């Protein structure tokens, strides 16, 4: 006797939307959007809830497959389960209204996060968008119109969706900078995210992650508070020299 596999219908996005839509859980997911693992106590502070309440929210997010948990001794740390979760959060941020600014600290952070930030494990904000544009302009990447563009990409619109391909010259140039170019069947070398603050693409994929790590190793950028990335004085000089990216200020 053969067992018939039940037919599957459309994706049930309501399940994921309900998990993301609760304010405390949304705050947790946004806090984890820089790709790092954080302790429950840190996430409770980010969400503004008690330790017992955050435990229940984290359990639901783990069960729903949006975050994973790692043990280190007696402590547990949480991170986004995969890059697709970060991509979904960034896409939602493009649709979501901005929160009102009620303090000088909030205003300072809002400006900084738009200037340069991490989106999971790659650069975003003005710096991330400028980097992708520079890589295409300099021939490191070639933007070729994708099949999605011909079929009207739902995010970028018809004629604005591209596949970004690494050229041979670009590969040599990036290897010369010490960028580790590793891709796998699970993760493409290049992919774009639509940047929620700039409304233009920034570079994701394995190459986007490798560039972030290399810039950190070189000391061109340093991590700041809550996903913010700060460009160092050395970074200003080298980004201008290598990629023609001029950082104001």
C-alpha atoms as a PDB file:
ATOM      1  CA  UNK A   1       0.000   0.000   0.000  1.00  0.00           C
ATOM      2  CA  UNK A   2       1.323   3.414  -0.893  1.00  0.00           C
ATOM      3  CA  UNK A   3       0.752   6.436   1.267  1.00  0.00           C
ATOM      4  CA  UNK A   4      -0.456   9.431  -0.631  1.00  0.00           C
ATOM      5  CA  UNK A   5       1.337  12.661   0.257  1.00  0.00           C
ATOM      6  CA  UNK A   6      -1.201  15.375   1.110  1.00  0.00           C
ATOM      7  CA  UNK A   7      -1.315  18.312  -1.253  1.00  0.00           C
ATOM      8  CA  UNK A   8       0.031  21.623   0.030  1.00  0.00           C
ATOM      9  CA  UNK A   9      -1.602  24.977  -0.555  1.00  0.00           C
ATOM     10  CA  UNK A  10      -0.288  28.526  -0.459  1.00  0.00           C
ATOM     11  CA  UNK A  11       2.215  29.610   2.197  1.00  0.00           C
ATOM     12  CA  UNK A  12       0.526  30.387   5.505  1.00  0.00           C
ATOM     13  CA  UNK A  13       2.170  33.763   6.077  1.00  0.00           C
ATOM     14  CA  UNK A  14      -0.261  34.502   8.906  1.00  0.00           C
ATOM     15  CA  UNK A  15       1.663  32.159  11.202  1.00  0.00           C
ATOM     16  CA  UNK A  16       4.934  34.018  10.688  1.00  0.00           C
ATOM     17  CA  UNK A  17       3.207  37.412  10.713  1.00  0.00           C
ATOM     18  CA  UNK A  18       1.653  36.652  14.101  1.00  0.00           C
ATOM     19  CA  UNK A  19       5.046  35.710  15.529  1.00  0.00           C
ATOM     20  CA  UNK A  20       6.692  38.868  14.190  1.00  0.00           C
ATOM     21  CA  UNK A  21       3.786  41.198  14.873  1.00  0.00           C
ATOM     22  CA  UNK A  22       3.728  41.090  18.674  1.00  0.00           C
ATOM     23  CA  UNK A  23       5.654  44.229  19.841  1.00  0.00           C
ATOM     24  CA  UNK A  24       8.030  42.500  22.261  1.00  0.00           C
ATOM     25  CA  UNK A  25       8.878  39.750  19.774  1.00  0.00           C
ATOM     26  CA  UNK A  26       9.331  42.350  17.019  1.00  0.00           C
ATOM     27  CA  UNK A  27      11.813  44.184  19.259  1.00  0.00           C
ATOM     28  CA  UNK A  28      13.694  40.932  19.858  1.00  0.00           C
ATOM     29  CA  UNK A  29      13.950  40.189  16.145  1.00  0.00           C
ATOM     30  CA  UNK A  30      15.139  43.696  15.320  1.00  0.00           C
ATOM     31  CA  UNK A  31      17.755  43.495  18.089  1.00  0.00           C
ATOM     32  CA  UNK A  32      19.062  40.279  16.511  1.00  0.00           C
ATOM     33  CA  UNK A  33      19.143  41.733  13.000  1.00  0.00           C
ATOM     34  CA  UNK A  34      22.881  42.420  13.201  1.00  0.00           C
ATOM     35  CA  UNK A  35      23.557  38.670  13.148  1.00  0.00           C
ATOM     36  CA  UNK A  36      25.059  38.399  16.624  1.00  0.00           C
ATOM     37  CA  UNK A  37      23.821  36.101  19.401  1.00  0.00           C
ATOM     38  CA  UNK A  38      22.428  37.885  22.468  1.00  0.00           C
ATOM     39  CA  UNK A  39      21.519  36.727  25.953  1.00  0.00           C
ATOM     40  CA  UNK A  40      17.918  36.598  27.130  1.00  0.00           C
ATOM     41  CA  UNK A  41      18.593  39.374  29.653  1.00  0.00           C
ATOM     42  CA  UNK A  42      19.815  41.687  26.888  1.00  0.00           C
ATOM     43  CA  UNK A  43      16.776  40.891  24.766  1.00  0.00           C
ATOM     44  CA  UNK A  44      14.455  41.503  27.716  1.00  0.00           C
ATOM     45  CA  UNK A  45      15.953  44.976  28.101  1.00  0.00           C
ATOM     46  CA  UNK A  46      15.565  45.646  24.354  1.00  0.00           C
ATOM     47  CA  UNK A  47      11.919  44.564  24.460  1.00  0.00           C
ATOM     48  CA  UNK A  48      11.179  46.287  27.784  1.00  0.00           C
ATOM     49  CA  UNK A  49       9.721  43.165  29.420  1.00  0.00           C
ATOM     50  CA  UNK A  50      10.515  40.971  32.425  1.00  0.00           C
ATOM     51  CA  UNK A  51      12.731  37.882  32.399  1.00  0.00           C
ATOM     52  CA  UNK A  52       9.754  35.536  32.694  1.00  0.00           C
ATOM     53  CA  UNK A  53       7.920  37.273  29.846  1.00  0.00           C
ATOM     54  CA  UNK A  54      10.911  37.234  27.526  1.00  0.00           C
ATOM     55  CA  UNK A  55      11.351  33.502  28.120  1.00  0.00           C
ATOM     56  CA  UNK A  56       7.859  32.837  26.788  1.00  0.00           C
ATOM     57  CA  UNK A  57       8.427  35.043  23.748  1.00  0.00           C
ATOM     58  CA  UNK A  58      11.795  33.449  22.975  1.00  0.00           C
ATOM     59  CA  UNK A  59      10.282  29.973  23.239  1.00  0.00           C
ATOM     60  CA  UNK A  60       7.628  30.891  20.674  1.00  0.00           C
ATOM     61  CA  UNK A  61      10.210  32.345  18.298  1.00  0.00           C
ATOM     62  CA  UNK A  62      12.380  29.222  18.616  1.00  0.00           C
ATOM     63  CA  UNK A  63       9.392  26.924  18.056  1.00  0.00           C
ATOM     64  CA  UNK A  64       8.412  29.009  15.041  1.00  0.00           C
ATOM     65  CA  UNK A  65      11.879  28.604  13.518  1.00  0.00           C
ATOM     66  CA  UNK A  66      12.682  32.327  13.452  1.00  0.00           C
ATOM     67  CA  UNK A  67      15.497  32.196  16.008  1.00  0.00           C
ATOM     68  CA  UNK A  68      17.875  29.525  17.270  1.00  0.00           C
ATOM     69  CA  UNK A  69      19.408  29.037  20.707  1.00  0.00           C
ATOM     70  CA  UNK A  70      23.023  28.253  21.594  1.00  0.00           C
ATOM     71  CA  UNK A  71      24.261  27.078  24.984  1.00  0.00           C
ATOM     72  CA  UNK A  72      27.498  28.322  26.540  1.00  0.00           C
ATOM     73  CA  UNK A  73      27.946  26.842  29.985  1.00  0.00           C
ATOM     74  CA  UNK A  74      24.868  27.734  31.988  1.00  0.00           C
ATOM     75  CA  UNK A  75      23.981  30.594  29.679  1.00  0.00           C
ATOM     76  CA  UNK A  76      21.880  30.567  26.538  1.00  0.00           C
ATOM     77  CA  UNK A  77      22.231  32.919  23.610  1.00  0.00           C
ATOM     78  CA  UNK A  78      19.793  33.582  20.798  1.00  0.00           C
ATOM     79  CA  UNK A  79      20.282  34.579  17.162  1.00  0.00           C
ATOM     80  CA  UNK A  80      18.264  34.693  13.950  1.00  0.00           C
ATOM     81  CA  UNK A  81      17.981  31.167  12.595  1.00  0.00           C
ATOM     82  CA  UNK A  82      18.940  31.994   9.000  1.00  0.00           C
ATOM     83  CA  UNK A  83      19.527  34.837   6.583  1.00  0.00           C
ATOM     84  CA  UNK A  84      16.008  34.566   5.130  1.00  0.00           C
ATOM     85  CA  UNK A  85      14.585  35.800   8.440  1.00  0.00           C
ATOM     86  CA  UNK A  86      16.772  38.909   8.237  1.00  0.00           C
ATOM     87  CA  UNK A  87      15.707  39.436   4.620  1.00  0.00           C
ATOM     88  CA  UNK A  88      12.043  39.275   5.653  1.00  0.00           C
ATOM     89  CA  UNK A  89      12.602  41.775   8.468  1.00  0.00           C
ATOM     90  CA  UNK A  90      14.380  44.206   6.148  1.00  0.00           C
ATOM     91  CA  UNK A  91      11.527  43.913   3.638  1.00  0.00           C
ATOM     92  CA  UNK A  92       8.948  44.591   6.356  1.00  0.00           C
ATOM     93  CA  UNK A  93      10.936  47.630   7.463  1.00  0.00           C
ATOM     94  CA  UNK A  94      10.444  49.057   3.948  1.00  0.00           C
ATOM     95  CA  UNK A  95       6.680  49.005   4.554  1.00  0.00           C
ATOM     96  CA  UNK A  96       6.562  49.937   8.227  1.00  0.00           C
ATOM     97  CA  UNK A  97       6.080  53.515   9.484  1.00  0.00           C
ATOM     98  CA  UNK A  98       8.960  55.103  11.381  1.00  0.00           C
ATOM     99  CA  UNK A  99       8.732  55.430  15.125  1.00  0.00           C
ATOM    100  CA  UNK A 100       8.474  58.978  16.489  1.00  0.00           C
ATOM    101  CA  UNK A 101      11.696  60.497  17.863  1.00  0.00           C
ATOM    102  CA  UNK A 102      11.264  61.605  21.486  1.00  0.00           C
ATOM    103  CA  UNK A 103      14.812  62.277  22.665  1.00  0.00           C
ATOM    104  CA  UNK A 104      18.185  63.519  21.475  1.00  0.00           C
ATOM    105  CA  UNK A 105      19.617  60.024  21.964  1.00  0.00           C
ATOM    106  CA  UNK A 106      16.934  58.503  19.739  1.00  0.00           C
ATOM    107  CA  UNK A 107      17.582  61.154  17.099  1.00  0.00           C
ATOM    108  CA  UNK A 108      21.333  60.491  17.181  1.00  0.00           C
ATOM    109  CA  UNK A 109      20.801  56.737  16.858  1.00  0.00           C
ATOM    110  CA  UNK A 110      18.262  57.148  14.040  1.00  0.00           C
ATOM    111  CA  UNK A 111      20.721  59.247  12.041  1.00  0.00           C
ATOM    112  CA  UNK A 112      23.581  56.827  12.680  1.00  0.00           C
ATOM    113  CA  UNK A 113      21.616  53.720  11.723  1.00  0.00           C
ATOM    114  CA  UNK A 114      20.651  55.285   8.408  1.00  0.00           C
ATOM    115  CA  UNK A 115      24.259  56.230   7.714  1.00  0.00           C
ATOM    116  CA  UNK A 116      25.797  52.780   8.242  1.00  0.00           C
ATOM    117  CA  UNK A 117      24.512  49.628   9.917  1.00  0.00           C
ATOM    118  CA  UNK A 118      24.571  45.868   9.666  1.00  0.00           C
ATOM    119  CA  UNK A 119      21.731  43.926   8.092  1.00  0.00           C
ATOM    120  CA  UNK A 120      22.296  40.441   9.499  1.00  0.00           C
ATOM    121  CA  UNK A 121      25.916  39.896   8.362  1.00  0.00           C
ATOM    122  CA  UNK A 122      26.402  42.546   5.684  1.00  0.00           C
ATOM    123  CA  UNK A 123      26.533  46.330   5.372  1.00  0.00           C
ATOM    124  CA  UNK A 124      23.408  48.435   4.945  1.00  0.00           C
ATOM    125  CA  UNK A 125      22.350  52.065   5.092  1.00  0.00           C
ATOM    126  CA  UNK A 126      24.011  54.751   2.987  1.00  0.00           C
ATOM    127  CA  UNK A 127      27.374  53.018   3.256  1.00  0.00           C
ATOM    128  CA  UNK A 128      26.009  49.644   2.124  1.00  0.00           C
ATOM    129  CA  UNK A 129      24.163  51.166  -0.835  1.00  0.00           C
ATOM    130  CA  UNK A 130      27.218  53.247  -1.821  1.00  0.00           C
ATOM    131  CA  UNK A 131      29.429  50.152  -1.671  1.00  0.00           C
ATOM    132  CA  UNK A 132      27.212  48.159  -4.042  1.00  0.00           C
ATOM    133  CA  UNK A 133      27.017  51.100  -6.454  1.00  0.00           C
ATOM    134  CA  UNK A 134      30.814  51.460  -6.367  1.00  0.00           C
ATOM    135  CA  UNK A 135      31.363  47.750  -7.042  1.00  0.00           C
ATOM    136  CA  UNK A 136      29.106  47.924 -10.097  1.00  0.00           C
ATOM    137  CA  UNK A 137      30.591  51.221 -11.314  1.00  0.00           C
ATOM    138  CA  UNK A 138      34.146  49.860 -11.042  1.00  0.00           C
ATOM    139  CA  UNK A 139      33.324  46.594 -12.814  1.00  0.00           C
ATOM    140  CA  UNK A 140      33.823  44.376  -9.776  1.00  0.00           C
ATOM    141  CA  UNK A 141      30.208  43.299 -10.186  1.00  0.00           C
ATOM    142  CA  UNK A 142      28.085  43.285 -13.316  1.00  0.00           C
ATOM    143  CA  UNK A 143      24.378  43.926 -12.897  1.00  0.00           C
ATOM    144  CA  UNK A 144      22.349  41.825 -15.313  1.00  0.00           C
ATOM    145  CA  UNK A 145      18.602  42.127 -15.539  1.00  0.00           C
ATOM    146  CA  UNK A 146      17.090  39.067 -13.930  1.00  0.00           C
ATOM    147  CA  UNK A 147      14.106  36.964 -14.868  1.00  0.00           C
ATOM    148  CA  UNK A 148      12.255  38.535 -11.945  1.00  0.00           C
ATOM    149  CA  UNK A 149      12.659  41.956 -13.537  1.00  0.00           C
ATOM    150  CA  UNK A 150      11.105  40.761 -16.763  1.00  0.00           C
ATOM    151  CA  UNK A 151       8.215  39.365 -14.726  1.00  0.00           C
ATOM    152  CA  UNK A 152       7.921  42.578 -12.645  1.00  0.00           C
ATOM    153  CA  UNK A 153       9.735  42.092  -9.363  1.00  0.00           C
ATOM    154  CA  UNK A 154       7.234  42.771  -6.549  1.00  0.00           C
ATOM    155  CA  UNK A 155       9.793  44.674  -4.470  1.00  0.00           C
ATOM    156  CA  UNK A 156      11.868  46.701  -6.902  1.00  0.00           C
ATOM    157  CA  UNK A 157       9.380  46.814  -9.754  1.00  0.00           C
ATOM    158  CA  UNK A 158       9.711  46.005 -13.424  1.00  0.00           C
ATOM    159  CA  UNK A 159      13.124  46.758 -14.883  1.00  0.00           C
ATOM    160  CA  UNK A 160      14.782  47.410 -11.517  1.00  0.00           C
ATOM    161  CA  UNK A 161      15.640  43.899 -10.344  1.00  0.00           C
ATOM    162  CA  UNK A 162      19.152  42.635 -11.059  1.00  0.00           C
ATOM    163  CA  UNK A 163      21.425  39.674 -10.533  1.00  0.00           C
ATOM    164  CA  UNK A 164      24.888  40.818  -9.496  1.00  0.00           C
ATOM    165  CA  UNK A 165      27.709  38.737 -10.985  1.00  0.00           C
ATOM    166  CA  UNK A 166      31.334  38.876  -9.837  1.00  0.00           C
ATOM    167  CA  UNK A 167      33.745  39.499 -12.732  1.00  0.00           C
ATOM    168  CA  UNK A 168      37.169  37.890 -13.057  1.00  0.00           C
ATOM    169  CA  UNK A 169      38.813  41.295 -12.625  1.00  0.00           C
ATOM    170  CA  UNK A 170      36.624  41.949  -9.611  1.00  0.00           C
ATOM    171  CA  UNK A 171      37.579  38.624  -8.060  1.00  0.00           C
ATOM    172  CA  UNK A 172      41.279  39.419  -8.416  1.00  0.00           C
ATOM    173  CA  UNK A 173      40.803  42.874  -6.942  1.00  0.00           C
ATOM    174  CA  UNK A 174      38.865  41.630  -3.916  1.00  0.00           C
ATOM    175  CA  UNK A 175      41.306  38.801  -3.286  1.00  0.00           C
ATOM    176  CA  UNK A 176      44.046  41.436  -3.316  1.00  0.00           C
ATOM    177  CA  UNK A 177      42.213  43.196  -0.499  1.00  0.00           C
ATOM    178  CA  UNK A 178      42.087  39.946   1.459  1.00  0.00           C
ATOM    179  CA  UNK A 179      38.347  39.380   1.011  1.00  0.00           C
ATOM    180  CA  UNK A 180      37.440  35.710   1.449  1.00  0.00           C
ATOM    181  CA  UNK A 181      35.305  34.656  -1.529  1.00  0.00           C
ATOM    182  CA  UNK A 182      33.463  31.530  -0.444  1.00  0.00           C
ATOM    183  CA  UNK A 183      29.992  30.503  -1.586  1.00  0.00           C
ATOM    184  CA  UNK A 184      27.950  27.348  -1.138  1.00  0.00           C
ATOM    185  CA  UNK A 185      24.843  25.693  -2.517  1.00  0.00           C
ATOM    186  CA  UNK A 186      22.940  27.012   0.506  1.00  0.00           C
ATOM    187  CA  UNK A 187      24.000  30.601   0.057  1.00  0.00           C
ATOM    188  CA  UNK A 188      24.701  32.449  -3.193  1.00  0.00           C
ATOM    189  CA  UNK A 189      27.850  34.529  -3.538  1.00  0.00           C
ATOM    190  CA  UNK A 190      25.873  37.665  -4.374  1.00  0.00           C
ATOM    191  CA  UNK A 191      22.340  38.720  -3.563  1.00  0.00           C
ATOM    192  CA  UNK A 192      20.681  42.055  -2.908  1.00  0.00           C
ATOM    193  CA  UNK A 193      18.462  43.373  -0.135  1.00  0.00           C
ATOM    194  CA  UNK A 194      16.272  46.390  -0.658  1.00  0.00           C
ATOM    195  CA  UNK A 195      17.566  48.854   1.921  1.00  0.00           C
ATOM    196  CA  UNK A 196      14.631  50.109   3.991  1.00  0.00           C
ATOM    197  CA  UNK A 197      16.124  53.527   4.734  1.00  0.00           C
ATOM    198  CA  UNK A 198      17.582  54.231   1.272  1.00  0.00           C
ATOM    199  CA  UNK A 199      14.990  52.363  -0.811  1.00  0.00           C
ATOM    200  CA  UNK A 200      17.821  51.102  -3.016  1.00  0.00           C
ATOM    201  CA  UNK A 201      19.662  47.758  -3.047  1.00  0.00           C
ATOM    202  CA  UNK A 202      22.622  46.898  -0.860  1.00  0.00           C
ATOM    203  CA  UNK A 203      24.818  43.811  -1.271  1.00  0.00           C
ATOM    204  CA  UNK A 204      24.002  40.658   0.676  1.00  0.00           C
ATOM    205  CA  UNK A 205      24.990  37.027   0.098  1.00  0.00           C
ATOM    206  CA  UNK A 206      28.335  35.475   0.951  1.00  0.00           C
ATOM    207  CA  UNK A 207      30.230  38.363  -0.650  1.00  0.00           C
ATOM    208  CA  UNK A 208      28.338  40.962   1.363  1.00  0.00           C
ATOM    209  CA  UNK A 209      29.223  39.088   4.545  1.00  0.00           C
ATOM    210  CA  UNK A 210      32.879  38.707   3.528  1.00  0.00           C
ATOM    211  CA  UNK A 211      33.237  42.427   2.822  1.00  0.00           C
ATOM    212  CA  UNK A 212      31.816  43.322   6.240  1.00  0.00           C
ATOM    213  CA  UNK A 213      34.230  40.955   7.991  1.00  0.00           C
ATOM    214  CA  UNK A 214      37.207  42.250   6.013  1.00  0.00           C
ATOM    215  CA  UNK A 215      36.382  45.897   6.696  1.00  0.00           C
ATOM    216  CA  UNK A 216      36.148  45.066  10.405  1.00  0.00           C
ATOM    217  CA  UNK A 217      39.468  43.184  10.320  1.00  0.00           C
ATOM    218  CA  UNK A 218      41.161  46.097   8.549  1.00  0.00           C
ATOM    219  CA  UNK A 219      39.814  48.551  11.109  1.00  0.00           C
ATOM    220  CA  UNK A 220      37.971  50.557   8.474  1.00  0.00           C
ATOM    221  CA  UNK A 221      34.751  50.201  10.453  1.00  0.00           C
ATOM    222  CA  UNK A 222      33.870  49.327  14.033  1.00  0.00           C
ATOM    223  CA  UNK A 223      30.634  48.075  15.512  1.00  0.00           C
ATOM    224  CA  UNK A 224      28.592  50.595  17.471  1.00  0.00           C
ATOM    225  CA  UNK A 225      25.429  50.351  19.504  1.00  0.00           C
ATOM    226  CA  UNK A 226      22.459  48.344  18.238  1.00  0.00           C
ATOM    227  CA  UNK A 227      23.489  47.510  14.655  1.00  0.00           C
ATOM    228  CA  UNK A 228      25.225  50.853  14.049  1.00  0.00           C
ATOM    229  CA  UNK A 229      28.562  50.719  12.228  1.00  0.00           C
ATOM    230  CA  UNK A 230      31.038  53.581  12.523  1.00  0.00           C
ATOM    231  CA  UNK A 231      33.632  54.397   9.868  1.00  0.00           C
ATOM    232  CA  UNK A 232      37.064  55.076  11.333  1.00  0.00           C
ATOM    233  CA  UNK A 233      39.482  57.729  10.119  1.00  0.00           C
ATOM    234  CA  UNK A 234      41.497  54.990   8.404  1.00  0.00           C
ATOM    235  CA  UNK A 235      38.262  53.706   6.880  1.00  0.00           C
ATOM    236  CA  UNK A 236      37.393  57.125   5.466  1.00  0.00           C
ATOM    237  CA  UNK A 237      40.740  57.303   3.713  1.00  0.00           C
ATOM    238  CA  UNK A 238      40.740  53.744   2.362  1.00  0.00           C
ATOM    239  CA  UNK A 239      37.082  53.673   1.316  1.00  0.00           C
ATOM    240  CA  UNK A 240      37.697  56.829  -0.697  1.00  0.00           C
ATOM    241  CA  UNK A 241      40.899  55.403  -2.184  1.00  0.00           C
ATOM    242  CA  UNK A 242      39.650  51.897  -2.959  1.00  0.00           C
ATOM    243  CA  UNK A 243      36.000  52.493  -3.815  1.00  0.00           C
ATOM    244  CA  UNK A 244      35.561  56.240  -4.286  1.00  0.00           C
ATOM    245  CA  UNK A 245      33.195  56.365  -1.306  1.00  0.00           C
ATOM    246  CA  UNK A 246      33.373  59.724   0.462  1.00  0.00           C
ATOM    247  CA  UNK A 247      32.069  59.756   4.033  1.00  0.00           C
ATOM    248  CA  UNK A 248      30.836  63.157   5.205  1.00  0.00           C
ATOM    249  CA  UNK A 249      31.776  64.530   8.613  1.00  0.00           C
END
